């Protein structure tokens, strides 16, 4: 499990470095990537549990183990008050990333790979890591 988290952080660091360089912004250094919660915080109550990781604009990452009875990732996060919508949200954990307003968006990853469907369509699966990364357009 720890290996998966490290691989995700490494992949996100590389992505952020390339994106920053492409935009002419200085690339973040390895010291700027910090995990805010070393031990995931358990939130919610229910029969299904999944790992949620959110990489904020300053490159810190918050990690939760989410427990819910909801069917989809979007509905679970909305129920817990972590997002502003069940299907297409601009706010996660109080941080806004609105493509039309800010030029940023929340990239959605499933086990370290870019998701091919939205959060409202993604059914919760045990043992899967779902991640959102604050991403420039």
N, C-alpha and C. Protein backbone atom coordinates (compact mmCIF):
# COMPACT_ATOMS: atom_id res chain seq x y z
N UNK A 1 0.83 -1.18 0.00
CA UNK A 1 0.00 0.00 0.00
C UNK A 1 0.87 1.25 0.00
N UNK A 2 1.91 1.25 0.85
CA UNK A 2 2.82 2.40 0.93
C UNK A 2 3.54 2.60 -0.41
N UNK A 3 3.86 1.48 -1.10
CA UNK A 3 4.52 1.55 -2.39
C UNK A 3 3.61 2.25 -3.40
N UNK A 4 2.31 1.94 -3.37
CA UNK A 4 1.35 2.58 -4.28
C UNK A 4 1.28 4.08 -4.06
N UNK A 5 1.29 4.49 -2.80
CA UNK A 5 1.24 5.92 -2.48
C UNK A 5 2.50 6.61 -2.99
N UNK A 6 3.65 5.99 -2.75
CA UNK A 6 4.91 6.58 -3.22
C UNK A 6 4.95 6.67 -4.74
N UNK A 7 4.45 5.63 -5.42
CA UNK A 7 4.43 5.64 -6.88
C UNK A 7 3.50 6.75 -7.39
N UNK A 8 2.34 6.91 -6.75
CA UNK A 8 1.42 7.97 -7.15
C UNK A 8 2.06 9.34 -6.95
N UNK A 9 2.68 9.55 -5.79
CA UNK A 9 3.33 10.83 -5.54
C UNK A 9 4.44 11.11 -6.54
N UNK A 10 5.22 10.09 -6.88
CA UNK A 10 6.28 10.26 -7.86
C UNK A 10 5.69 10.63 -9.22
N UNK A 11 4.64 9.91 -9.63
CA UNK A 11 4.00 10.20 -10.92
C UNK A 11 3.43 11.62 -10.93
N UNK A 12 2.80 12.02 -9.84
CA UNK A 12 2.23 13.36 -9.77
C UNK A 12 3.33 14.42 -9.77
N UNK A 13 4.44 14.14 -9.10
CA UNK A 13 5.56 15.07 -9.10
C UNK A 13 6.11 15.26 -10.51
N UNK A 14 6.29 14.17 -11.24
CA UNK A 14 6.80 14.25 -12.61
C UNK A 14 5.82 15.03 -13.48
N UNK A 15 4.51 14.72 -13.34
CA UNK A 15 3.50 15.42 -14.12
C UNK A 15 3.53 16.92 -13.82
N UNK A 16 3.58 17.26 -12.53
CA UNK A 16 3.60 18.67 -12.13
C UNK A 16 4.86 19.37 -12.64
N UNK A 17 5.98 18.67 -12.61
CA UNK A 17 7.24 19.24 -13.09
C UNK A 17 7.15 19.54 -14.58
N UNK A 18 6.65 18.58 -15.35
CA UNK A 18 6.52 18.79 -16.79
C UNK A 18 5.52 19.88 -17.11
N UNK A 19 4.40 19.90 -16.41
CA UNK A 19 3.39 20.92 -16.64
C UNK A 19 3.93 22.30 -16.29
N UNK A 20 4.64 22.40 -15.18
CA UNK A 20 5.22 23.68 -14.77
C UNK A 20 6.26 24.17 -15.75
N UNK A 21 7.08 23.27 -16.24
CA UNK A 21 8.11 23.65 -17.21
C UNK A 21 7.49 24.09 -18.52
N UNK A 22 6.41 23.42 -18.92
CA UNK A 22 5.74 23.77 -20.17
C UNK A 22 5.13 25.15 -20.08
N UNK A 23 4.70 25.57 -18.90
CA UNK A 23 4.07 26.87 -18.72
C UNK A 23 5.08 27.96 -18.41
N UNK A 24 6.37 27.60 -18.32
CA UNK A 24 7.39 28.58 -18.02
C UNK A 24 7.53 28.88 -16.54
N UNK A 25 6.84 28.08 -15.71
CA UNK A 25 6.94 28.27 -14.27
C UNK A 25 8.08 27.41 -13.74
N UNK A 26 8.70 27.83 -12.65
CA UNK A 26 9.76 27.00 -12.10
C UNK A 26 9.20 25.66 -11.62
N UNK A 27 9.96 24.61 -11.83
CA UNK A 27 9.54 23.27 -11.42
C UNK A 27 9.68 23.13 -9.91
N UNK A 28 8.70 22.47 -9.27
CA UNK A 28 8.83 22.27 -7.83
C UNK A 28 9.96 21.30 -7.54
N UNK A 29 10.59 21.45 -6.37
CA UNK A 29 11.63 20.49 -6.02
C UNK A 29 11.02 19.39 -5.17
N UNK A 30 11.74 18.31 -4.99
CA UNK A 30 11.23 17.14 -4.27
C UNK A 30 10.86 17.49 -2.83
N UNK A 31 11.52 18.47 -2.24
CA UNK A 31 11.22 18.86 -0.87
C UNK A 31 9.86 19.53 -0.74
N UNK A 32 9.30 20.03 -1.87
CA UNK A 32 8.02 20.73 -1.79
C UNK A 32 6.83 19.77 -1.77
N UNK A 33 7.04 18.49 -2.05
CA UNK A 33 5.96 17.51 -2.03
C UNK A 33 5.91 16.87 -0.66
N UNK A 34 4.86 17.20 0.09
CA UNK A 34 4.72 16.68 1.44
C UNK A 34 3.35 16.06 1.60
N UNK A 35 3.27 15.00 2.37
CA UNK A 35 2.00 14.40 2.70
C UNK A 35 1.55 14.97 4.03
N UNK A 36 0.39 15.63 4.01
CA UNK A 36 -0.10 16.27 5.22
C UNK A 36 -0.48 15.25 6.28
N UNK A 37 -1.07 14.14 5.88
CA UNK A 37 -1.48 13.10 6.81
C UNK A 37 -0.70 11.82 6.49
N UNK A 38 0.25 11.45 7.35
CA UNK A 38 1.01 10.23 7.14
C UNK A 38 0.10 9.03 7.30
N UNK A 39 -0.72 9.03 8.35
CA UNK A 39 -1.71 7.99 8.56
C UNK A 39 -3.05 8.54 8.09
N UNK A 40 -3.69 7.86 7.14
CA UNK A 40 -4.96 8.37 6.60
C UNK A 40 -6.00 8.55 7.71
N UNK A 41 -6.80 9.58 7.56
CA UNK A 41 -7.89 9.85 8.48
C UNK A 41 -9.12 9.09 7.98
N UNK A 42 -9.78 8.37 8.88
CA UNK A 42 -10.99 7.64 8.53
C UNK A 42 -12.17 8.59 8.63
N UNK A 43 -12.93 8.73 7.54
CA UNK A 43 -14.12 9.56 7.56
C UNK A 43 -15.30 8.78 7.03
N UNK A 44 -16.49 9.12 7.50
CA UNK A 44 -17.72 8.50 7.04
C UNK A 44 -18.02 7.20 7.76
N UNK A 45 -19.18 6.66 7.42
CA UNK A 45 -19.60 5.38 7.96
C UNK A 45 -20.29 4.60 6.86
N UNK A 46 -20.00 3.32 6.75
CA UNK A 46 -20.67 2.50 5.75
C UNK A 46 -19.93 1.21 5.49
N UNK A 47 -20.46 0.45 4.55
CA UNK A 47 -19.94 -0.87 4.24
C UNK A 47 -18.78 -0.86 3.25
N UNK A 48 -18.66 0.20 2.45
CA UNK A 48 -17.61 0.28 1.43
C UNK A 48 -16.52 1.24 1.91
N UNK A 49 -15.27 0.87 1.67
CA UNK A 49 -14.15 1.72 2.06
C UNK A 49 -13.20 1.88 0.89
N UNK A 50 -12.71 3.10 0.70
CA UNK A 50 -11.72 3.36 -0.33
C UNK A 50 -10.77 4.43 0.15
N UNK A 51 -9.60 4.50 -0.48
CA UNK A 51 -8.58 5.51 -0.17
C UNK A 51 -8.80 6.71 -1.09
N UNK A 52 -8.74 7.90 -0.49
CA UNK A 52 -8.86 9.15 -1.23
C UNK A 52 -7.62 9.98 -0.97
N UNK A 53 -6.99 10.46 -2.05
CA UNK A 53 -5.83 11.34 -1.95
C UNK A 53 -6.12 12.61 -2.74
N UNK A 54 -5.84 13.75 -2.13
CA UNK A 54 -6.07 15.04 -2.79
C UNK A 54 -4.78 15.83 -2.74
N UNK A 55 -4.22 16.13 -3.93
CA UNK A 55 -3.01 16.95 -4.01
C UNK A 55 -3.43 18.39 -4.23
N UNK A 56 -3.14 19.23 -3.25
CA UNK A 56 -3.52 20.64 -3.26
C UNK A 56 -2.55 21.47 -4.10
N UNK A 57 -2.91 22.73 -4.37
CA UNK A 57 -2.07 23.58 -5.21
C UNK A 57 -0.64 23.72 -4.72
N UNK A 58 -0.41 23.73 -3.42
CA UNK A 58 0.94 23.91 -2.89
C UNK A 58 1.72 22.60 -2.84
N UNK A 59 1.19 21.56 -3.51
CA UNK A 59 1.84 20.25 -3.65
C UNK A 59 1.78 19.42 -2.38
N UNK A 60 0.99 19.81 -1.37
CA UNK A 60 0.79 18.94 -0.22
C UNK A 60 -0.35 17.98 -0.54
N UNK A 61 -0.33 16.82 0.06
CA UNK A 61 -1.36 15.81 -0.21
C UNK A 61 -2.05 15.41 1.08
N UNK A 62 -3.39 15.41 1.04
CA UNK A 62 -4.18 14.92 2.16
C UNK A 62 -4.69 13.54 1.79
N UNK A 63 -4.72 12.64 2.77
CA UNK A 63 -5.12 11.25 2.52
C UNK A 63 -6.20 10.85 3.52
N UNK A 64 -7.27 10.24 3.00
CA UNK A 64 -8.35 9.75 3.84
C UNK A 64 -8.68 8.31 3.45
N UNK A 65 -9.16 7.54 4.41
CA UNK A 65 -9.85 6.29 4.13
C UNK A 65 -11.32 6.61 4.32
N UNK A 66 -12.08 6.50 3.23
CA UNK A 66 -13.49 6.88 3.23
C UNK A 66 -14.34 5.63 3.39
N UNK A 67 -15.30 5.71 4.28
CA UNK A 67 -16.25 4.62 4.51
C UNK A 67 -17.64 5.14 4.17
N UNK A 68 -18.40 4.42 3.33
CA UNK A 68 -19.69 4.92 2.85
C UNK A 68 -20.60 3.78 2.41
N UNK A 69 -21.87 4.10 2.23
CA UNK A 69 -22.82 3.17 1.63
C UNK A 69 -23.24 3.66 0.25
N UNK A 70 -22.67 4.78 -0.20
CA UNK A 70 -22.98 5.32 -1.52
C UNK A 70 -22.44 4.40 -2.61
N UNK A 71 -22.94 4.56 -3.83
CA UNK A 71 -22.55 3.70 -4.95
C UNK A 71 -21.38 4.25 -5.75
N UNK A 72 -21.28 5.59 -5.86
CA UNK A 72 -20.24 6.19 -6.69
C UNK A 72 -19.31 7.08 -5.87
N UNK A 73 -18.12 7.33 -6.42
CA UNK A 73 -17.16 8.21 -5.77
C UNK A 73 -17.76 9.61 -5.60
N UNK A 74 -18.37 10.12 -6.65
CA UNK A 74 -18.96 11.45 -6.59
C UNK A 74 -20.01 11.60 -5.50
N UNK A 75 -20.92 10.64 -5.40
CA UNK A 75 -21.97 10.74 -4.38
C UNK A 75 -21.39 10.58 -2.97
N UNK A 76 -20.37 9.75 -2.80
CA UNK A 76 -19.74 9.57 -1.49
C UNK A 76 -19.06 10.86 -1.03
N UNK A 77 -18.31 11.50 -1.93
CA UNK A 77 -17.59 12.73 -1.57
C UNK A 77 -18.56 13.88 -1.31
N UNK A 78 -19.63 13.93 -2.09
CA UNK A 78 -20.64 14.98 -1.89
C UNK A 78 -21.36 14.78 -0.56
N UNK A 79 -21.72 13.53 -0.24
CA UNK A 79 -22.39 13.21 1.01
C UNK A 79 -21.55 13.64 2.21
N UNK A 80 -20.25 13.49 2.11
CA UNK A 80 -19.35 13.84 3.21
C UNK A 80 -18.99 15.33 3.25
N UNK A 81 -19.47 16.09 2.27
CA UNK A 81 -19.20 17.52 2.23
C UNK A 81 -17.83 17.90 1.70
N UNK A 82 -17.17 16.97 1.02
CA UNK A 82 -15.84 17.25 0.47
C UNK A 82 -15.89 17.92 -0.90
N UNK A 83 -17.05 17.85 -1.59
CA UNK A 83 -17.19 18.44 -2.92
C UNK A 83 -18.46 19.28 -2.99
N UNK A 84 -18.57 20.08 -4.06
CA UNK A 84 -19.74 20.94 -4.24
C UNK A 84 -20.77 20.34 -5.19
N UNK A 85 -20.53 19.13 -5.70
CA UNK A 85 -21.48 18.48 -6.60
C UNK A 85 -21.15 16.99 -6.64
N UNK A 86 -22.11 16.17 -7.08
CA UNK A 86 -21.88 14.72 -7.17
C UNK A 86 -21.23 14.30 -8.47
N UNK A 87 -21.41 15.09 -9.53
CA UNK A 87 -20.95 14.67 -10.85
C UNK A 87 -19.79 15.48 -11.40
N UNK A 88 -19.92 16.77 -11.37
CA UNK A 88 -18.86 17.63 -11.90
C UNK A 88 -18.62 18.74 -10.89
N UNK A 89 -17.56 18.62 -10.11
CA UNK A 89 -17.34 19.60 -9.06
C UNK A 89 -16.11 20.43 -9.34
N UNK A 90 -16.12 21.60 -8.71
CA UNK A 90 -14.99 22.52 -8.82
C UNK A 90 -14.27 22.69 -7.49
N UNK A 91 -14.90 22.21 -6.41
CA UNK A 91 -14.31 22.36 -5.08
C UNK A 91 -14.11 20.99 -4.45
N UNK A 92 -12.89 20.74 -3.98
CA UNK A 92 -12.58 19.54 -3.20
C UNK A 92 -11.85 20.00 -1.95
N UNK A 93 -12.31 19.52 -0.80
CA UNK A 93 -11.66 19.84 0.48
C UNK A 93 -11.48 21.35 0.64
N UNK A 94 -12.47 22.12 0.17
CA UNK A 94 -12.44 23.57 0.33
C UNK A 94 -11.58 24.32 -0.67
N UNK A 95 -10.95 23.62 -1.61
CA UNK A 95 -10.07 24.26 -2.60
C UNK A 95 -10.77 24.29 -3.95
N UNK A 96 -10.87 25.48 -4.52
CA UNK A 96 -11.55 25.67 -5.80
C UNK A 96 -10.57 25.52 -6.97
N UNK A 97 -10.99 24.77 -7.97
CA UNK A 97 -10.25 24.65 -9.23
C UNK A 97 -11.29 24.66 -10.34
N UNK A 98 -11.60 25.84 -10.84
CA UNK A 98 -12.64 26.02 -11.85
C UNK A 98 -11.98 26.42 -13.16
N UNK A 99 -12.02 25.54 -14.13
CA UNK A 99 -11.36 25.76 -15.41
C UNK A 99 -11.73 27.10 -16.03
N UNK A 100 -13.03 27.43 -16.02
CA UNK A 100 -13.47 28.66 -16.67
C UNK A 100 -13.11 29.91 -15.88
N UNK A 101 -12.97 29.79 -14.58
CA UNK A 101 -12.66 30.96 -13.73
C UNK A 101 -11.17 31.08 -13.42
N UNK A 102 -10.54 29.95 -13.09
CA UNK A 102 -9.16 29.97 -12.58
C UNK A 102 -8.12 29.43 -13.56
N UNK A 103 -8.57 28.67 -14.55
CA UNK A 103 -7.63 28.01 -15.45
C UNK A 103 -7.04 26.73 -14.87
N UNK A 104 -7.65 26.22 -13.79
CA UNK A 104 -7.22 24.97 -13.17
C UNK A 104 -8.41 24.02 -13.10
N UNK A 105 -8.11 22.74 -12.93
CA UNK A 105 -9.16 21.73 -12.79
C UNK A 105 -8.67 20.61 -11.91
N UNK A 106 -9.59 19.78 -11.44
CA UNK A 106 -9.23 18.63 -10.62
C UNK A 106 -9.11 17.40 -11.51
N UNK A 107 -7.88 16.96 -11.78
CA UNK A 107 -7.65 15.74 -12.55
C UNK A 107 -7.98 14.55 -11.65
N UNK A 108 -8.67 13.55 -12.19
CA UNK A 108 -9.16 12.40 -11.44
C UNK A 108 -8.37 11.16 -11.84
N UNK A 109 -7.77 10.49 -10.86
CA UNK A 109 -6.96 9.30 -11.09
C UNK A 109 -7.52 8.10 -10.33
N UNK A 110 -7.41 6.94 -10.95
CA UNK A 110 -7.80 5.69 -10.31
C UNK A 110 -6.57 4.79 -10.30
N UNK A 111 -6.10 4.45 -9.12
CA UNK A 111 -4.87 3.66 -8.96
C UNK A 111 -3.71 4.22 -9.77
N UNK A 112 -3.55 5.54 -9.74
CA UNK A 112 -2.41 6.18 -10.38
C UNK A 112 -2.55 6.45 -11.86
N UNK A 113 -3.70 6.08 -12.47
CA UNK A 113 -3.91 6.32 -13.90
C UNK A 113 -5.08 7.27 -14.09
N UNK A 114 -4.94 8.17 -15.07
CA UNK A 114 -6.00 9.13 -15.36
C UNK A 114 -7.30 8.38 -15.62
N UNK A 115 -8.37 8.79 -14.95
CA UNK A 115 -9.67 8.13 -15.09
C UNK A 115 -10.26 8.41 -16.48
N UNK A 116 -10.95 7.43 -17.01
CA UNK A 116 -11.59 7.56 -18.31
C UNK A 116 -13.09 7.84 -18.19
N UNK A 117 -13.57 8.02 -16.95
CA UNK A 117 -14.96 8.40 -16.73
C UNK A 117 -15.01 9.37 -15.57
N UNK A 118 -16.15 10.02 -15.41
CA UNK A 118 -16.30 11.00 -14.35
C UNK A 118 -16.58 10.36 -13.00
N UNK A 119 -16.49 11.17 -11.95
CA UNK A 119 -16.69 10.66 -10.60
C UNK A 119 -18.12 10.20 -10.36
N UNK A 120 -19.08 10.81 -11.05
CA UNK A 120 -20.47 10.42 -10.90
C UNK A 120 -20.77 9.07 -11.51
N UNK A 121 -19.90 8.59 -12.38
CA UNK A 121 -20.06 7.29 -13.04
C UNK A 121 -19.14 6.22 -12.46
N UNK A 122 -18.21 6.61 -11.61
CA UNK A 122 -17.21 5.68 -11.09
C UNK A 122 -17.73 4.98 -9.84
N UNK A 123 -18.01 3.69 -9.99
CA UNK A 123 -18.49 2.90 -8.86
C UNK A 123 -17.35 2.64 -7.88
N UNK A 124 -17.68 2.65 -6.61
CA UNK A 124 -16.69 2.43 -5.56
C UNK A 124 -16.26 0.97 -5.56
N UNK A 125 -14.96 0.76 -5.54
CA UNK A 125 -14.39 -0.59 -5.46
C UNK A 125 -13.42 -0.62 -4.28
N UNK A 126 -13.53 -1.67 -3.49
CA UNK A 126 -12.66 -1.85 -2.33
C UNK A 126 -11.20 -1.95 -2.76
N UNK A 127 -10.31 -1.35 -1.97
CA UNK A 127 -8.88 -1.48 -2.22
C UNK A 127 -8.33 -0.59 -3.31
N UNK A 128 -9.18 0.25 -3.90
CA UNK A 128 -8.75 1.14 -4.98
C UNK A 128 -8.40 2.50 -4.39
N UNK A 129 -7.38 3.14 -4.96
CA UNK A 129 -7.00 4.48 -4.55
C UNK A 129 -7.52 5.48 -5.59
N UNK A 130 -8.36 6.39 -5.15
CA UNK A 130 -8.89 7.44 -6.00
C UNK A 130 -8.18 8.73 -5.62
N UNK A 131 -7.70 9.48 -6.62
CA UNK A 131 -6.92 10.68 -6.32
C UNK A 131 -7.39 11.84 -7.19
N UNK A 132 -7.27 13.04 -6.64
CA UNK A 132 -7.57 14.27 -7.36
C UNK A 132 -6.35 15.17 -7.25
N UNK A 133 -5.95 15.73 -8.39
CA UNK A 133 -4.75 16.56 -8.43
C UNK A 133 -5.12 17.92 -9.01
N UNK A 134 -4.79 18.97 -8.28
CA UNK A 134 -5.00 20.35 -8.74
C UNK A 134 -4.09 20.57 -9.94
N UNK A 135 -4.70 20.80 -11.11
CA UNK A 135 -3.96 20.75 -12.38
C UNK A 135 -4.20 21.99 -13.22
N UNK A 136 -3.14 22.61 -13.76
CA UNK A 136 -3.34 23.75 -14.66
C UNK A 136 -3.85 23.27 -16.00
N UNK A 137 -4.62 24.15 -16.64
CA UNK A 137 -5.18 23.83 -17.97
C UNK A 137 -4.09 23.80 -19.01
